C-alpha atoms as a PDB file:
ATOM      1  CA  UNK A   1      22.904  26.613  32.859  1.00  0.00           C
ATOM      2  CA  UNK A   2      21.649  23.669  30.793  1.00  0.00           C
ATOM      3  CA  UNK A   3      23.287  20.363  31.589  1.00  0.00           C
ATOM      4  CA  UNK A   4      25.050  18.498  28.900  1.00  0.00           C
ATOM      5  CA  UNK A   5      23.561  15.466  27.597  1.00  0.00           C
ATOM      6  CA  UNK A   6      24.566  12.044  29.193  1.00  0.00           C
ATOM      7  CA  UNK A   7      26.497  10.380  26.328  1.00  0.00           C
ATOM      8  CA  UNK A   8      28.239   7.747  28.555  1.00  0.00           C
ATOM      9  CA  UNK A   9      28.438   4.430  27.307  1.00  0.00           C
ATOM     10  CA  UNK A  10      25.068   2.799  28.082  1.00  0.00           C
ATOM     11  CA  UNK A  11      23.215   6.022  28.443  1.00  0.00           C
ATOM     12  CA  UNK A  12      19.805   6.164  27.003  1.00  0.00           C
ATOM     13  CA  UNK A  13      19.522   8.457  24.070  1.00  0.00           C
ATOM     14  CA  UNK A  14      16.479  10.969  23.433  1.00  0.00           C
ATOM     15  CA  UNK A  15      14.360   9.676  20.578  1.00  0.00           C
ATOM     16  CA  UNK A  16      12.891  12.286  18.169  1.00  0.00           C
ATOM     17  CA  UNK A  17      10.330  10.706  16.002  1.00  0.00           C
ATOM     18  CA  UNK A  18       9.294  13.720  14.220  1.00  0.00           C
ATOM     19  CA  UNK A  19      12.549  15.725  13.632  1.00  0.00           C
ATOM     20  CA  UNK A  20      11.172  17.730  10.873  1.00  0.00           C
ATOM     21  CA  UNK A  21       8.010  18.581  12.637  1.00  0.00           C
ATOM     22  CA  UNK A  22       4.606  17.254  11.264  1.00  0.00           C
ATOM     23  CA  UNK A  23       6.000  16.905   7.652  1.00  0.00           C
ATOM     24  CA  UNK A  24       6.902  13.310   7.919  1.00  0.00           C
ATOM     25  CA  UNK A  25       4.293  12.053   9.943  1.00  0.00           C
ATOM     26  CA  UNK A  26       1.591  13.475   7.556  1.00  0.00           C
ATOM     27  CA  UNK A  27       3.379  12.525   4.328  1.00  0.00           C
ATOM     28  CA  UNK A  28       3.989   9.106   5.651  1.00  0.00           C
ATOM     29  CA  UNK A  29       0.046   8.997   6.346  1.00  0.00           C
ATOM     30  CA  UNK A  30      -0.630  10.153   2.994  1.00  0.00           C
ATOM     31  CA  UNK A  31       1.468   7.331   1.202  1.00  0.00           C
ATOM     32  CA  UNK A  32      -0.108   4.753   3.341  1.00  0.00           C
ATOM     33  CA  UNK A  33      -3.580   6.001   2.289  1.00  0.00           C
ATOM     34  CA  UNK A  34      -2.677   6.056  -1.542  1.00  0.00           C
ATOM     35  CA  UNK A  35      -1.189   2.596  -1.322  1.00  0.00           C
ATOM     36  CA  UNK A  36      -4.147   1.085   0.491  1.00  0.00           C
ATOM     37  CA  UNK A  37      -6.665   2.930  -1.803  1.00  0.00           C
ATOM     38  CA  UNK A  38      -4.956   1.671  -4.983  1.00  0.00           C
ATOM     39  CA  UNK A  39      -4.514  -1.936  -3.238  1.00  0.00           C
ATOM     40  CA  UNK A  40      -8.148  -2.110  -2.433  1.00  0.00           C
ATOM     41  CA  UNK A  41      -9.361  -0.888  -5.756  1.00  0.00           C
ATOM     42  CA  UNK A  42      -7.108  -3.331  -7.803  1.00  0.00           C
ATOM     43  CA  UNK A  43      -8.612  -6.132  -5.450  1.00  0.00           C
ATOM     44  CA  UNK A  44     -12.053  -5.077  -6.088  1.00  0.00           C
ATOM     45  CA  UNK A  45     -11.364  -5.025  -9.908  1.00  0.00           C
ATOM     46  CA  UNK A  46      -9.803  -8.430  -9.487  1.00  0.00           C
ATOM     47  CA  UNK A  47     -12.805  -9.985  -7.922  1.00  0.00           C
ATOM     48  CA  UNK A  48     -14.949  -8.902 -10.974  1.00  0.00           C
ATOM     49  CA  UNK A  49     -12.649 -10.721 -13.426  1.00  0.00           C
ATOM     50  CA  UNK A  50     -11.209 -14.205 -14.037  1.00  0.00           C
ATOM     51  CA  UNK A  51      -8.103 -15.745 -15.590  1.00  0.00           C
ATOM     52  CA  UNK A  52      -5.089 -13.687 -16.261  1.00  0.00           C
ATOM     53  CA  UNK A  53      -6.854 -10.462 -15.699  1.00  0.00           C
ATOM     54  CA  UNK A  54      -7.685 -11.392 -12.153  1.00  0.00           C
ATOM     55  CA  UNK A  55      -4.106 -12.451 -11.592  1.00  0.00           C
ATOM     56  CA  UNK A  56      -2.651  -9.279 -12.967  1.00  0.00           C
ATOM     57  CA  UNK A  57      -5.175  -7.124 -10.748  1.00  0.00           C
ATOM     58  CA  UNK A  58      -4.006  -8.854  -7.637  1.00  0.00           C
ATOM     59  CA  UNK A  59      -0.242  -8.550  -8.442  1.00  0.00           C
ATOM     60  CA  UNK A  60      -0.870  -4.825  -8.713  1.00  0.00           C
ATOM     61  CA  UNK A  61      -2.835  -4.802  -5.542  1.00  0.00           C
ATOM     62  CA  UNK A  62      -0.043  -6.626  -3.717  1.00  0.00           C
ATOM     63  CA  UNK A  63       2.758  -4.168  -5.204  1.00  0.00           C
ATOM     64  CA  UNK A  64       0.709  -1.059  -4.250  1.00  0.00           C
ATOM     65  CA  UNK A  65      -0.261  -2.193  -0.799  1.00  0.00           C
ATOM     66  CA  UNK A  66       3.226  -3.343  -0.065  1.00  0.00           C
ATOM     67  CA  UNK A  67       4.905  -0.310  -1.599  1.00  0.00           C
ATOM     68  CA  UNK A  68       2.605   2.045   0.063  1.00  0.00           C
ATOM     69  CA  UNK A  69       3.428   0.545   3.724  1.00  0.00           C
ATOM     70  CA  UNK A  70       6.990   0.477   2.918  1.00  0.00           C
ATOM     71  CA  UNK A  71       7.139   4.112   1.732  1.00  0.00           C
ATOM     72  CA  UNK A  72       4.997   4.979   4.762  1.00  0.00           C
ATOM     73  CA  UNK A  73       7.509   3.599   7.009  1.00  0.00           C
ATOM     74  CA  UNK A  74      10.722   4.945   5.723  1.00  0.00           C
ATOM     75  CA  UNK A  75       8.962   8.308   5.061  1.00  0.00           C
ATOM     76  CA  UNK A  76       8.385   8.517   8.757  1.00  0.00           C
ATOM     77  CA  UNK A  77      11.739   7.248   9.558  1.00  0.00           C
ATOM     78  CA  UNK A  78      13.233  10.262   7.817  1.00  0.00           C
ATOM     79  CA  UNK A  79      12.078  12.131  10.687  1.00  0.00           C
ATOM     80  CA  UNK A  80      13.662   9.634  13.116  1.00  0.00           C
ATOM     81  CA  UNK A  81      16.659  10.842  15.161  1.00  0.00           C
ATOM     82  CA  UNK A  82      18.588   9.668  18.237  1.00  0.00           C
ATOM     83  CA  UNK A  83      20.388  12.201  20.394  1.00  0.00           C
ATOM     84  CA  UNK A  84      24.379  11.212  20.566  1.00  0.00           C
ATOM     85  CA  UNK A  85      24.461   9.286  17.202  1.00  0.00           C
ATOM     86  CA  UNK A  86      24.091   9.327  13.520  1.00  0.00           C
ATOM     87  CA  UNK A  87      21.859   6.897  11.892  1.00  0.00           C
ATOM     88  CA  UNK A  88      22.626   4.759   8.776  1.00  0.00           C
ATOM     89  CA  UNK A  89      20.720   2.102   6.934  1.00  0.00           C
ATOM     90  CA  UNK A  90      21.971  -1.473   5.765  1.00  0.00           C
ATOM     91  CA  UNK A  91      20.992  -1.323   2.177  1.00  0.00           C
ATOM     92  CA  UNK A  92      20.434  -5.080   1.510  1.00  0.00           C
ATOM     93  CA  UNK A  93      18.226  -5.418   4.606  1.00  0.00           C
ATOM     94  CA  UNK A  94      16.386  -2.456   3.705  1.00  0.00           C
ATOM     95  CA  UNK A  95      15.440  -3.844   0.069  1.00  0.00           C
ATOM     96  CA  UNK A  96      14.727  -7.091   1.652  1.00  0.00           C
ATOM     97  CA  UNK A  97      12.101  -5.486   3.791  1.00  0.00           C
ATOM     98  CA  UNK A  98      10.477  -4.202   0.681  1.00  0.00           C
ATOM     99  CA  UNK A  99      10.580  -7.319  -0.935  1.00  0.00           C
ATOM    100  CA  UNK A 100       9.175  -9.173   1.941  1.00  0.00           C
ATOM    101  CA  UNK A 101       6.355  -6.725   2.167  1.00  0.00           C
ATOM    102  CA  UNK A 102       5.360  -7.347  -1.404  1.00  0.00           C
ATOM    103  CA  UNK A 103       5.568 -11.036  -1.240  1.00  0.00           C
ATOM    104  CA  UNK A 104       3.870 -11.634   2.200  1.00  0.00           C
ATOM    105  CA  UNK A 105       1.115  -8.971   1.361  1.00  0.00           C
ATOM    106  CA  UNK A 106       0.693 -10.823  -2.001  1.00  0.00           C
ATOM    107  CA  UNK A 107       0.055 -14.157  -0.521  1.00  0.00           C
ATOM    108  CA  UNK A 108      -2.800 -12.562   1.663  1.00  0.00           C
ATOM    109  CA  UNK A 109      -4.182 -10.755  -1.199  1.00  0.00           C
ATOM    110  CA  UNK A 110      -4.131 -13.874  -3.361  1.00  0.00           C
ATOM    111  CA  UNK A 111      -5.705 -15.985  -0.591  1.00  0.00           C
ATOM    112  CA  UNK A 112      -8.695 -13.620  -0.596  1.00  0.00           C
ATOM    113  CA  UNK A 113      -8.776 -13.390  -4.422  1.00  0.00           C
ATOM    114  CA  UNK A 114      -8.876 -17.192  -5.109  1.00  0.00           C
ATOM    115  CA  UNK A 115     -10.178 -18.266  -1.789  1.00  0.00           C
ATOM    116  CA  UNK A 116     -13.615 -20.200  -2.083  1.00  0.00           C
ATOM    117  CA  UNK A 117     -14.653 -19.941   1.403  1.00  0.00           C
ATOM    118  CA  UNK A 118     -14.715 -16.150   1.956  1.00  0.00           C
ATOM    119  CA  UNK A 119     -14.726 -16.393   5.665  1.00  0.00           C
ATOM    120  CA  UNK A 120     -11.739 -18.357   5.864  1.00  0.00           C
ATOM    121  CA  UNK A 121      -9.963 -16.583   3.095  1.00  0.00           C
ATOM    122  CA  UNK A 122     -10.420 -13.499   4.836  1.00  0.00           C
ATOM    123  CA  UNK A 123      -9.145 -14.756   8.113  1.00  0.00           C
ATOM    124  CA  UNK A 124      -6.049 -16.207   6.610  1.00  0.00           C
ATOM    125  CA  UNK A 125      -5.655 -13.119   4.251  1.00  0.00           C
ATOM    126  CA  UNK A 126      -5.745 -10.692   7.112  1.00  0.00           C
ATOM    127  CA  UNK A 127      -3.314 -12.777   9.254  1.00  0.00           C
ATOM    128  CA  UNK A 128      -0.856 -13.167   6.433  1.00  0.00           C
ATOM    129  CA  UNK A 129      -1.050  -9.441   5.306  1.00  0.00           C
ATOM    130  CA  UNK A 130      -0.842  -8.111   8.917  1.00  0.00           C
ATOM    131  CA  UNK A 131       2.238 -10.431   9.579  1.00  0.00           C
ATOM    132  CA  UNK A 132       3.738  -9.095   6.438  1.00  0.00           C
ATOM    133  CA  UNK A 133       3.184  -5.301   7.486  1.00  0.00           C
ATOM    134  CA  UNK A 134       4.831  -6.185  10.970  1.00  0.00           C
ATOM    135  CA  UNK A 135       7.716  -8.150   9.465  1.00  0.00           C
ATOM    136  CA  UNK A 136       8.562  -5.252   6.996  1.00  0.00           C
ATOM    137  CA  UNK A 137       8.420  -2.910   9.827  1.00  0.00           C
ATOM    138  CA  UNK A 138      10.800  -4.724  12.018  1.00  0.00           C
ATOM    139  CA  UNK A 139      13.145  -5.993   9.257  1.00  0.00           C
ATOM    140  CA  UNK A 140      13.349  -2.261   8.312  1.00  0.00           C
ATOM    141  CA  UNK A 141      14.197  -1.564  11.993  1.00  0.00           C
ATOM    142  CA  UNK A 142      16.885  -4.206  11.889  1.00  0.00           C
ATOM    143  CA  UNK A 143      18.566  -2.284   9.092  1.00  0.00           C
ATOM    144  CA  UNK A 144      19.272   0.609  11.401  1.00  0.00           C
ATOM    145  CA  UNK A 145      23.041   1.100  12.012  1.00  0.00           C
ATOM    146  CA  UNK A 146      23.902   3.579  15.130  1.00  0.00           C
ATOM    147  CA  UNK A 147      26.378   3.673  17.818  1.00  0.00           C
ATOM    148  CA  UNK A 148      24.567   1.915  20.515  1.00  0.00           C
ATOM    149  CA  UNK A 149      22.070  -0.870  20.877  1.00  0.00           C
ATOM    150  CA  UNK A 150      18.346  -1.071  20.303  1.00  0.00           C
ATOM    151  CA  UNK A 151      15.996  -2.444  22.564  1.00  0.00           C
ATOM    152  CA  UNK A 152      12.120  -3.166  22.313  1.00  0.00           C
ATOM    153  CA  UNK A 153       9.109  -3.124  24.706  1.00  0.00           C
ATOM    154  CA  UNK A 154       7.727  -6.842  24.072  1.00  0.00           C
ATOM    155  CA  UNK A 155       4.033  -5.670  25.139  1.00  0.00           C
ATOM    156  CA  UNK A 156       4.205  -2.782  22.741  1.00  0.00           C
ATOM    157  CA  UNK A 157       5.634  -5.036  19.972  1.00  0.00           C
ATOM    158  CA  UNK A 158       2.792  -7.205  20.477  1.00  0.00           C
ATOM    159  CA  UNK A 159       0.302  -4.528  20.321  1.00  0.00           C
ATOM    160  CA  UNK A 160       1.815  -3.261  17.065  1.00  0.00           C
ATOM    161  CA  UNK A 161       1.551  -6.477  15.287  1.00  0.00           C
ATOM    162  CA  UNK A 162      -2.099  -7.021  16.613  1.00  0.00           C
ATOM    163  CA  UNK A 163      -2.925  -3.477  15.162  1.00  0.00           C
ATOM    164  CA  UNK A 164      -1.239  -4.574  11.669  1.00  0.00           C
ATOM    165  CA  UNK A 165      -3.270  -8.030  11.561  1.00  0.00           C
ATOM    166  CA  UNK A 166      -6.635  -6.064  12.607  1.00  0.00           C
ATOM    167  CA  UNK A 167      -6.038  -3.420  10.107  1.00  0.00           C
ATOM    168  CA  UNK A 168      -5.212  -5.745   7.247  1.00  0.00           C
ATOM    169  CA  UNK A 169      -8.411  -7.939   7.998  1.00  0.00           C
ATOM    170  CA  UNK A 170     -10.348  -4.861   7.864  1.00  0.00           C
ATOM    171  CA  UNK A 171      -9.011  -3.582   4.778  1.00  0.00           C
ATOM    172  CA  UNK A 172      -9.558  -7.067   2.847  1.00  0.00           C
ATOM    173  CA  UNK A 173     -13.086  -7.219   4.397  1.00  0.00           C
ATOM    174  CA  UNK A 174     -13.803  -3.773   2.739  1.00  0.00           C
ATOM    175  CA  UNK A 175     -12.269  -5.235  -0.456  1.00  0.00           C
ATOM    176  CA  UNK A 176     -14.739  -8.234  -0.559  1.00  0.00           C
ATOM    177  CA  UNK A 177     -17.962  -6.193   0.700  1.00  0.00           C
ATOM    178  CA  UNK A 178     -17.436  -2.641  -0.584  1.00  0.00           C
ATOM    179  CA  UNK A 179     -17.607  -1.854  -4.144  1.00  0.00           C
ATOM    180  CA  UNK A 180     -18.523   1.954  -4.272  1.00  0.00           C
ATOM    181  CA  UNK A 181     -15.164   4.112  -5.029  1.00  0.00           C
ATOM    182  CA  UNK A 182     -16.209   6.508  -2.174  1.00  0.00           C
ATOM    183  CA  UNK A 183     -16.406   3.752   0.256  1.00  0.00           C
ATOM    184  CA  UNK A 184     -13.203   2.213  -0.666  1.00  0.00           C
ATOM    185  CA  UNK A 185     -11.493   5.785  -0.357  1.00  0.00           C
ATOM    186  CA  UNK A 186     -12.951   5.859   3.268  1.00  0.00           C
ATOM    187  CA  UNK A 187     -11.757   2.293   3.966  1.00  0.00           C
ATOM    188  CA  UNK A 188      -8.374   3.582   2.641  1.00  0.00           C
ATOM    189  CA  UNK A 189      -8.289   6.508   4.836  1.00  0.00           C
ATOM    190  CA  UNK A 190      -9.017   4.156   7.970  1.00  0.00           C
ATOM    191  CA  UNK A 191      -6.236   1.722   6.653  1.00  0.00           C
ATOM    192  CA  UNK A 192      -3.929   4.442   6.508  1.00  0.00           C
ATOM    193  CA  UNK A 193      -4.538   5.634   9.960  1.00  0.00           C
ATOM    194  CA  UNK A 194      -4.383   1.943  11.251  1.00  0.00           C
ATOM    195  CA  UNK A 195      -1.054   1.316   9.587  1.00  0.00           C
ATOM    196  CA  UNK A 196       0.350   4.660  10.816  1.00  0.00           C
ATOM    197  CA  UNK A 197      -0.678   3.720  14.347  1.00  0.00           C
ATOM    198  CA  UNK A 198       1.143   0.360  14.011  1.00  0.00           C
ATOM    199  CA  UNK A 199       4.156   2.273  12.813  1.00  0.00           C
ATOM    200  CA  UNK A 200       4.413   4.630  15.817  1.00  0.00           C
ATOM    201  CA  UNK A 201       3.328   2.115  18.267  1.00  0.00           C
ATOM    202  CA  UNK A 202       6.256   0.117  17.278  1.00  0.00           C
ATOM    203  CA  UNK A 203       8.528   2.932  17.308  1.00  0.00           C
ATOM    204  CA  UNK A 204       7.410   3.827  20.767  1.00  0.00           C
ATOM    205  CA  UNK A 205       8.360   0.177  22.038  1.00  0.00           C
ATOM    206  CA  UNK A 206      11.954   1.432  20.977  1.00  0.00           C
ATOM    207  CA  UNK A 207      14.510   2.650  23.271  1.00  0.00           C
ATOM    208  CA  UNK A 208      18.513   3.233  22.614  1.00  0.00           C
ATOM    209  CA  UNK A 209      21.555   2.748  24.667  1.00  0.00           C
ATOM    210  CA  UNK A 210      23.931   5.148  23.018  1.00  0.00           C
ATOM    211  CA  UNK A 211      27.857   4.288  23.043  1.00  0.00           C
ATOM    212  CA  UNK A 212      29.357   7.341  21.647  1.00  0.00           C
ATOM    213  CA  UNK A 213      32.020   6.359  19.042  1.00  0.00           C
ATOM    214  CA  UNK A 214      34.242   8.227  16.373  1.00  0.00           C
ATOM    215  CA  UNK A 215      33.954   5.256  13.974  1.00  0.00           C
ATOM    216  CA  UNK A 216      32.055   5.586  10.724  1.00  0.00           C
ATOM    217  CA  UNK A 217      29.021   3.722  10.616  1.00  0.00           C
ATOM    218  CA  UNK A 218      28.330   1.167   7.924  1.00  0.00           C
ATOM    219  CA  UNK A 219      25.600   1.535   5.313  1.00  0.00           C
ATOM    220  CA  UNK A 220      24.068   4.770   3.897  1.00  0.00           C
ATOM    221  CA  UNK A 221      22.278   7.815   5.306  1.00  0.00           C
ATOM    222  CA  UNK A 222      18.608   8.265   4.947  1.00  0.00           C
ATOM    223  CA  UNK A 223      19.165  11.061   2.504  1.00  0.00           C
ATOM    224  CA  UNK A 224      21.559   8.984   0.325  1.00  0.00           C
ATOM    225  CA  UNK A 225      19.481   5.947   0.291  1.00  0.00           C
ATOM    226  CA  UNK A 226      15.979   6.117   1.762  1.00  0.00           C
ATOM    227  CA  UNK A 227      15.060   9.432   0.329  1.00  0.00           C
ATOM    228  CA  UNK A 228      15.634   8.840  -3.450  1.00  0.00           C
ATOM    229  CA  UNK A 229      14.088   5.126  -3.072  1.00  0.00           C
ATOM    230  CA  UNK A 230      10.853   6.710  -1.226  1.00  0.00           C
ATOM    231  CA  UNK A 231      10.325   9.244  -3.817  1.00  0.00           C
ATOM    232  CA  UNK A 232      10.735   6.648  -6.831  1.00  0.00           C
ATOM    233  CA  UNK A 233       8.351   4.247  -5.042  1.00  0.00           C
ATOM    234  CA  UNK A 234       6.010   7.290  -4.401  1.00  0.00           C
ATOM    235  CA  UNK A 235       6.141   8.173  -8.054  1.00  0.00           C
ATOM    236  CA  UNK A 236       5.137   4.634  -8.952  1.00  0.00           C
ATOM    237  CA  UNK A 237       2.119   4.907  -6.706  1.00  0.00           C
ATOM    238  CA  UNK A 238       0.936   8.180  -8.237  1.00  0.00           C
ATOM    239  CA  UNK A 239       1.377   6.880 -11.776  1.00  0.00           C
ATOM    240  CA  UNK A 240      -0.284   3.482 -11.019  1.00  0.00           C
ATOM    241  CA  UNK A 241      -3.174   5.308  -9.219  1.00  0.00           C
ATOM    242  CA  UNK A 242      -3.804   7.538 -12.411  1.00  0.00           C
ATOM    243  CA  UNK A 243      -3.568   4.336 -14.675  1.00  0.00           C
ATOM    244  CA  UNK A 244      -6.143   2.469 -12.474  1.00  0.00           C
ATOM    245  CA  UNK A 245      -8.607   5.651 -12.259  1.00  0.00           C
ATOM    246  CA  UNK A 246      -8.427   6.078 -15.982  1.00  0.00           C
ATOM    247  CA  UNK A 247      -8.894   2.248 -16.953  1.00  0.00           C
ATOM    248  CA  UNK A 248     -12.524   1.125 -17.410  1.00  0.00           C
ATOM    249  CA  UNK A 249     -13.867  -1.181 -15.032  1.00  0.00           C
ATOM    250  CA  UNK A 250     -15.154  -4.548 -16.083  1.00  0.00           C
ATOM    251  CA  UNK A 251     -18.589  -3.464 -15.698  1.00  0.00           C
ATOM    252  CA  UNK A 252     -17.892  -0.271 -17.927  1.00  0.00           C
ATOM    253  CA  UNK A 253     -16.383  -2.500 -20.642  1.00  0.00           C
ATOM    254  CA  UNK A 254     -19.557  -4.833 -20.349  1.00  0.00           C
ATOM    255  CA  UNK A 255     -21.835  -2.028 -20.713  1.00  0.00           C
ATOM    256  CA  UNK A 256     -19.918  -0.514 -23.496  1.00  0.00           C
ATOM    257  CA  UNK A 257     -19.906  -3.683 -25.302  1.00  0.00           C
ATOM    258  CA  UNK A 258     -23.679  -4.212 -25.012  1.00  0.00           C
ATOM    259  CA  UNK A 259     -24.101  -0.713 -26.183  1.00  0.00           C
ATOM    260  CA  UNK A 260     -22.169  -1.674 -29.082  1.00  0.00           C
ATOM    261  CA  UNK A 261     -24.141  -4.885 -29.705  1.00  0.00           C
ATOM    262  CA  UNK A 262     -27.597  -3.186 -29.377  1.00  0.00           C
ATOM    263  CA  UNK A 263     -26.483  -0.371 -31.718  1.00  0.00           C
ATOM    264  CA  UNK A 264     -25.444  -2.901 -34.437  1.00  0.00           C
ATOM    265  CA  UNK A 265     -28.622  -4.901 -34.091  1.00  0.00           C
ATOM    266  CA  UNK A 266     -30.681  -1.604 -34.445  1.00  0.00           C
ATOM    267  CA  UNK A 267     -28.844  -0.517 -37.764  1.00  0.00           C
ATOM    268  CA  UNK A 268     -29.030  -4.215 -39.077  1.00  0.00           C
ATOM    269  CA  UNK A 269     -32.907  -3.873 -38.278  1.00  0.00           C
ATOM    270  CA  UNK A 270     -33.264  -0.742 -39.868  1.00  0.00           C
ATOM    271  CA  UNK A 271     -31.329  -2.002 -43.211  1.00  0.00           C
ATOM    272  CA  UNK A 272     -33.779  -5.119 -43.195  1.00  0.00           C
ATOM    273  CA  UNK A 273     -36.750  -2.819 -42.776  1.00  0.00           C
ATOM    274  CA  UNK A 274     -35.732  -0.456 -45.545  1.00  0.00           C
ATOM    275  CA  UNK A 275     -35.282  -3.622 -47.865  1.00  0.00           C
ATOM    276  CA  UNK A 276     -38.593  -5.202 -47.003  1.00  0.00           C
ATOM    277  CA  UNK A 277     -40.708  -2.159 -47.525  1.00  0.00           C
ATOM    278  CA  UNK A 278     -42.476  -1.407 -50.691  1.00  0.00           C
ATOM    279  CA  UNK A 279     -41.432   1.207 -53.160  1.00  0.00           C
ATOM    280  CA  UNK A 280     -43.332   4.363 -52.966  1.00  0.00           C
ATOM    281  CA  UNK A 281     -45.610   5.419 -56.082  1.00  0.00           C
ATOM    282  CA  UNK A 282     -43.303   8.290 -57.009  1.00  0.00           C
ATOM    283  CA  UNK A 283     -40.427   5.741 -57.274  1.00  0.00           C
ATOM    284  CA  UNK A 284     -42.710   3.379 -59.284  1.00  0.00           C
ATOM    285  CA  UNK A 285     -43.367   5.946 -62.042  1.00  0.00           C
ATOM    286  CA  UNK A 286     -40.134   7.436 -62.095  1.00  0.00           C
ATOM    287  CA  UNK A 287     -38.168   6.793 -65.588  1.00  0.00           C
END
């Protein structure tokens, strides 16, 4: 006979990180890759422009990377379950984690976008962005509400933060040194894998001591709050990706403008030539 789970106060709860099978890990990885690809592409565009245009591209890059990482985290959390307790989410803390992701990642992206010393800007931007990713993750975890206590393995937490910093630094290095769309796509796949690795390393660090209770948990369930918000942010990423893909790059605009100028010059030269050429004999004897 199968023994009943141990639900005594303080008993360890069984953690399931993929309650829906491979659906949530794969979908969360896809969202991380889309956010990374969009953010890197916008950063590349920003570095080829100046003034207000650069600022706007960097803001878009920060929002894309922050949104992609946040969506990746909480899509993965849709598959997180603990035996013996329901899971709710504190709404203000969850929204704060999204805001922190965008602001701190934005600080790192702007450090790269406006830094004069590229090496220093890369290190500062990578550190800031990586800490932003880690802060978002653990602030999001702090938003969990369940019947019990959550504990962390400090060594695995430190490893997850290190992975986040290394991944962010590598991604920003790619933005500074890689211009080809294909290379950016490959870098985004690598960054998506690194962000997913950071998330699941942080989740492996978690243990839960369940204290069963009939009391109603505060906050909202994942399907009430996380799922619709993740769908909305995912839609934002897809729409913004389409906009960036369809908008001409700075080099394309310059080439188009140069072609317009060349065509106008050719037309003007042809007009001057026709005016300067002598009239033909037939034209001269015409009545």
